[in-house]
Amino acid sequence: MTGAVLAVVLLGPGAAVIVMTAVLVLQCFMFADGGVTALGANVLNMAIIAPAVGYVVYAGLRRLCGDGQRSLLFAAGFAAWCATVAAALACAVELAASGTVVLRSAVMAMGGVHMVVGLVEAAITMMVVAVVIRSRPELLDRSQRVEHGVPATVAFGAVATIGVLVFVSPLASSLPDGLEHVAHKLGFAAEAATPIAAPLQDYAVKGLVDQPWLGTVVAAGVGVAAAFAMAWLMARMLTRHALHARR
């Protein structure tokens, strides 16, 4: 799951760009996922284009369909699908511009695969938003904002995160993602550069090779902790900047 539209729905478009950029940087340097030389393209596609397209579609559908829960879920799901396909098509254009593959072939292959991938993205986005509607509706409607306090908020997030780490992360698929599938299909997979060494490369822990599921859980846990620390530091810096600007 990319999560660009989920970030848009919960945080707004501006914060979604910051969050997605932080996630991609973290994935790159901690897990060797994406590659350093591709980081700029990944940020453009998944941290800028995807949230922008998702926000336009989501906001437009909310205005057209009203404020009901069903319309909200539909808007979030369709926006997630559109954002996924838009990011994939942007990648196809970049591949063609680099001379790696013919534009028509890249667009057809990337677009076709990610139309299916987008359905999964839409389904997961809708499920998460549905849970948020039931448990923390103020995150979607700022007029209903309720102060839960920092300890309660952290506890809520910690419980949800532990559940995902223990029960979901071991189910991560080892199959190629959309871009890897297209790379093998169109014959340019061999042109990929060798990734730089990373502490938890491929979301695994070297000392737990015999227990890959546990290695995945540990790697995911470290990644979540790093993401939390990064988000907390960014929030502190941005909050201080906003306070100084008001003064």
Protein backbone atom coordinates (compact mmCIF):
# COMPACT_ATOMS: atom_id res chain seq x y z
CA MET A 1 0.00 0.00 0.00
CA THR A 2 1.29 3.45 -0.94
CA GLY A 3 -0.99 5.35 1.45
CA ALA A 4 -0.88 8.73 -0.29
CA VAL A 5 -4.65 9.27 -0.32
CA LEU A 6 -5.03 7.92 3.21
CA ALA A 7 -2.58 10.61 4.32
CA VAL A 8 -4.55 13.21 2.33
CA VAL A 9 -7.84 12.19 3.95
CA LEU A 10 -6.46 12.20 7.49
CA LEU A 11 -3.93 15.04 7.35
CA GLY A 12 -4.66 17.20 4.31
CA PRO A 13 -2.69 17.55 1.05
CA GLY A 14 0.21 19.63 2.38
CA ALA A 15 0.98 17.33 5.30
CA ALA A 16 0.51 14.29 3.05
CA VAL A 17 3.37 15.46 0.82
CA ILE A 18 5.65 15.82 3.85
CA VAL A 19 4.62 12.45 5.29
CA MET A 20 5.04 10.58 2.01
CA THR A 21 8.45 12.17 1.42
CA ALA A 22 9.60 11.15 4.90
CA VAL A 23 8.37 7.58 4.34
CA LEU A 24 10.19 7.26 1.01
CA VAL A 25 13.44 8.61 2.46
CA LEU A 26 13.15 6.19 5.39
CA GLN A 27 12.45 3.23 3.09
CA CYS A 28 15.39 4.15 0.90
CA PHE A 29 18.10 4.49 3.53
CA MET A 30 16.87 2.00 6.14
CA PHE A 31 15.50 -0.80 3.94
CA ALA A 32 17.18 -0.17 0.54
CA ASP A 33 13.68 -0.01 -0.93
CA GLY A 34 13.48 2.23 -3.99
CA GLY A 35 17.14 3.10 -4.44
CA VAL A 36 19.01 6.35 -3.89
CA THR A 37 19.29 7.25 -7.57
CA ALA A 38 15.53 6.76 -7.99
CA LEU A 39 14.60 8.67 -4.82
CA GLY A 40 13.85 11.93 -6.64
CA ALA A 41 11.54 10.20 -9.12
CA ASN A 42 9.86 8.25 -6.33
CA VAL A 43 9.22 11.42 -4.34
CA LEU A 44 7.81 13.15 -7.43
CA ASN A 45 5.52 10.24 -8.27
CA MET A 46 4.36 9.02 -4.87
CA ALA A 47 4.82 12.05 -2.59
CA ILE A 48 3.73 14.85 -4.93
CA ILE A 49 1.73 13.56 -7.92
CA ALA A 50 -0.19 10.87 -6.02
CA PRO A 51 -1.33 13.14 -3.14
CA ALA A 52 -2.14 15.98 -5.56
CA VAL A 53 -4.26 13.81 -7.86
CA GLY A 54 -5.82 12.06 -4.88
CA TYR A 55 -6.75 15.34 -3.21
CA VAL A 56 -8.34 16.79 -6.36
CA VAL A 57 -10.43 13.65 -6.93
CA TYR A 58 -11.33 13.23 -3.24
CA ALA A 59 -12.31 16.86 -2.71
CA GLY A 60 -14.28 16.95 -5.97
CA LEU A 61 -16.26 13.82 -5.13
CA ARG A 62 -16.98 15.03 -1.60
CA ARG A 63 -18.53 18.19 -3.04
CA LEU A 64 -20.53 16.22 -5.60
CA CYS A 65 -21.67 13.32 -3.40
CA GLY A 66 -22.23 15.05 -0.08
CA ASP A 67 -20.94 14.44 3.45
CA GLY A 68 -22.38 10.98 4.17
CA GLN A 69 -20.14 8.13 5.30
CA ARG A 70 -20.75 6.11 2.14
CA SER A 71 -19.86 9.01 -0.10
CA LEU A 72 -16.73 9.65 1.98
CA LEU A 73 -15.63 6.03 1.64
CA PHE A 74 -16.36 6.01 -2.09
CA ALA A 75 -14.46 9.27 -2.58
CA ALA A 76 -11.45 7.97 -0.62
CA GLY A 77 -11.41 4.65 -2.49
CA PHE A 78 -11.78 6.11 -5.97
CA ALA A 79 -9.20 8.80 -5.21
CA ALA A 80 -6.76 6.11 -4.04
CA TRP A 81 -7.26 4.22 -7.31
CA CYS A 82 -6.74 7.37 -9.39
CA ALA A 83 -3.64 8.36 -7.42
CA THR A 84 -2.09 4.92 -7.88
CA VAL A 85 -2.66 4.93 -11.64
CA ALA A 86 -1.45 8.54 -11.97
CA ALA A 87 1.82 7.77 -10.16
CA ALA A 88 2.33 4.69 -12.33
CA LEU A 89 1.76 6.64 -15.55
CA ALA A 90 4.21 9.30 -14.38
CA CYS A 91 6.78 6.55 -13.83
CA ALA A 92 6.08 5.22 -17.34
CA VAL A 93 6.74 8.65 -18.84
CA GLU A 94 9.99 8.93 -16.88
CA LEU A 95 11.14 5.50 -18.05
CA ALA A 96 10.43 6.47 -21.65
CA ALA A 97 12.15 9.85 -21.26
CA SER A 98 15.26 8.08 -19.96
CA GLY A 99 15.37 5.89 -23.06
CA THR A 100 14.77 2.71 -21.05
CA VAL A 101 11.60 1.66 -22.85
CA VAL A 102 9.22 2.87 -25.55
CA LEU A 103 6.54 5.24 -24.19
CA ARG A 104 3.55 3.31 -25.56
CA SER A 105 4.78 0.02 -24.10
CA ALA A 106 5.57 1.62 -20.74
CA VAL A 107 2.20 3.36 -20.48
CA MET A 108 0.24 0.24 -21.48
CA ALA A 109 2.15 -2.03 -19.12
CA MET A 110 2.35 0.29 -16.10
CA GLY A 111 -1.21 1.52 -16.53
CA GLY A 112 -2.65 -1.97 -16.94
CA VAL A 113 -0.89 -3.47 -13.93
CA HIS A 114 -1.60 -0.54 -11.64
CA MET A 115 -5.27 -0.42 -12.54
CA VAL A 116 -5.41 -3.74 -10.69
CA VAL A 117 -2.98 -2.65 -7.96
CA GLY A 118 -5.12 0.45 -7.51
CA LEU A 119 -8.12 -1.71 -6.60
CA VAL A 120 -6.16 -3.15 -3.67
CA GLU A 121 -5.02 0.34 -2.67
CA ALA A 122 -8.63 1.54 -2.81
CA ALA A 123 -9.93 -1.38 -0.74
CA ILE A 124 -7.32 -0.96 2.02
CA THR A 125 -7.82 2.81 2.07
CA MET A 126 -11.58 2.40 2.46
CA MET A 127 -11.17 -0.17 5.24
CA VAL A 128 -8.81 2.04 7.22
CA VAL A 129 -11.03 5.10 6.76
CA ALA A 130 -14.05 3.04 7.87
CA VAL A 131 -12.23 2.11 11.09
CA VAL A 132 -11.28 5.75 11.66
CA ILE A 133 -14.91 6.83 11.17
CA ARG A 134 -15.95 4.49 13.99
CA SER A 135 -13.07 5.08 16.39
CA ARG A 136 -11.75 8.61 15.76
CA PRO A 137 -14.28 10.53 13.60
CA GLU A 138 -12.77 13.88 14.60
CA LEU A 139 -9.75 13.04 12.44
CA LEU A 140 -12.02 13.34 9.41
CA ASP A 141 -14.21 16.19 10.62
CA ARG A 142 -12.22 18.91 12.37
CA SER A 143 -15.46 20.45 13.72
CA GLN A 144 -15.86 17.34 15.92
CA ARG A 145 -12.33 17.54 17.28
CA VAL A 146 -11.98 15.94 20.69
CA GLU A 147 -8.80 16.26 22.71
CA HIS A 148 -7.75 12.75 23.78
CA GLY A 149 -4.41 13.86 25.16
CA VAL A 150 -0.96 12.76 24.07
CA PRO A 151 -0.83 9.54 26.21
CA ALA A 152 -4.21 8.33 24.91
CA THR A 153 -3.31 9.12 21.32
CA VAL A 154 0.07 7.37 21.58
CA ALA A 155 -1.54 4.36 23.28
CA PHE A 156 -4.18 4.11 20.54
CA GLY A 157 -1.52 4.27 17.85
CA ALA A 158 0.74 1.80 19.66
CA VAL A 159 -1.99 -0.84 20.00
CA ALA A 160 -2.95 -0.52 16.34
CA THR A 161 0.70 -0.64 15.25
CA ILE A 162 1.53 -3.72 17.34
CA GLY A 163 -1.48 -5.50 15.88
CA VAL A 164 -0.33 -4.76 12.34
CA LEU A 165 3.29 -5.72 13.11
CA VAL A 166 2.43 -9.07 14.67
CA PHE A 167 -0.46 -10.22 12.51
CA VAL A 168 -0.08 -8.45 9.15
CA SER A 169 3.61 -7.80 8.42
CA PRO A 170 4.55 -11.53 8.32
CA LEU A 171 2.04 -11.90 5.47
CA ALA A 172 3.99 -9.50 3.24
CA SER A 173 4.24 -10.91 -0.27
CA SER A 174 7.61 -11.80 -1.79
CA LEU A 175 6.19 -11.46 -5.31
CA PRO A 176 7.39 -8.58 -7.52
CA ASP A 177 5.52 -5.29 -7.18
CA GLY A 178 3.95 -3.55 -10.15
CA LEU A 179 7.11 -1.86 -11.42
CA GLU A 180 9.24 -4.99 -10.96
CA HIS A 181 6.65 -7.03 -12.87
CA VAL A 182 6.72 -4.55 -15.75
CA ALA A 183 10.54 -4.43 -15.68
CA HIS A 184 10.73 -8.20 -16.13
CA LYS A 185 7.98 -8.19 -18.75
CA LEU A 186 9.59 -5.47 -20.89
CA GLY A 187 13.14 -6.71 -20.34
CA PHE A 188 14.81 -3.85 -18.47
CA ALA A 189 14.99 -5.43 -15.00
CA ALA A 190 18.68 -6.22 -15.49
CA GLU A 191 19.45 -2.50 -15.83
CA ALA A 192 18.57 -1.82 -12.20
CA ALA A 193 21.55 -0.64 -10.15
CA THR A 194 22.70 -2.61 -7.12
CA PRO A 195 21.22 -0.95 -4.02
CA ILE A 196 23.50 0.54 -1.40
CA ALA A 197 23.84 -1.40 1.85
CA ALA A 198 21.10 -0.64 4.37
CA PRO A 199 20.71 -1.67 8.04
CA LEU A 200 17.53 -3.70 7.39
CA GLN A 201 17.82 -4.43 3.70
CA ASP A 202 14.74 -6.08 2.17
CA TYR A 203 12.90 -5.69 5.50
CA ALA A 204 14.95 -8.47 7.12
CA VAL A 205 17.29 -8.90 10.07
CA LYS A 206 20.55 -10.75 9.34
CA GLY A 207 20.58 -12.58 12.68
CA LEU A 208 17.08 -13.96 12.11
CA VAL A 209 17.53 -15.55 8.69
CA ASP A 210 16.20 -18.87 9.97
CA GLN A 211 13.04 -17.15 11.21
CA PRO A 212 12.07 -14.76 8.43
CA TRP A 213 8.66 -13.96 9.89
CA LEU A 214 10.25 -12.77 13.13
CA GLY A 215 12.85 -10.80 11.16
CA THR A 216 10.05 -9.08 9.26
CA VAL A 217 8.27 -8.17 12.50
CA VAL A 218 11.49 -6.81 14.07
CA ALA A 219 12.42 -4.85 10.93
CA ALA A 220 8.92 -3.41 10.70
CA GLY A 221 9.03 -2.48 14.39
CA VAL A 222 12.32 -0.63 13.99
CA GLY A 223 10.94 1.12 10.91
CA VAL A 224 7.80 2.21 12.77
CA ALA A 225 9.88 3.54 15.66
CA ALA A 226 12.09 5.49 13.25
CA ALA A 227 9.04 6.84 11.40
CA PHE A 228 7.45 7.90 14.70
CA ALA A 229 10.63 9.67 15.79
CA MET A 230 10.93 11.42 12.44
CA ALA A 231 7.27 12.48 12.51
CA TRP A 232 7.57 13.76 16.09
CA LEU A 233 10.68 15.82 15.29
CA MET A 234 9.10 17.27 12.14
CA ALA A 235 5.92 18.12 14.05
CA ARG A 236 7.92 19.90 16.76
CA MET A 237 9.88 21.91 14.22
CA LEU A 238 6.80 22.86 12.19
CA THR A 239 4.83 23.76 15.33
CA ARG A 240 7.60 26.04 16.59
CA HIS A 241 7.85 27.66 13.17
CA ALA A 242 4.09 28.28 13.14
CA LEU A 243 4.17 29.80 16.63
CA HIS A 244 7.05 32.14 15.73
CA ALA A 245 5.22 33.18 12.54
CA ARG A 246 2.09 34.08 14.52
CA ARG A 247 4.10 36.19 16.95
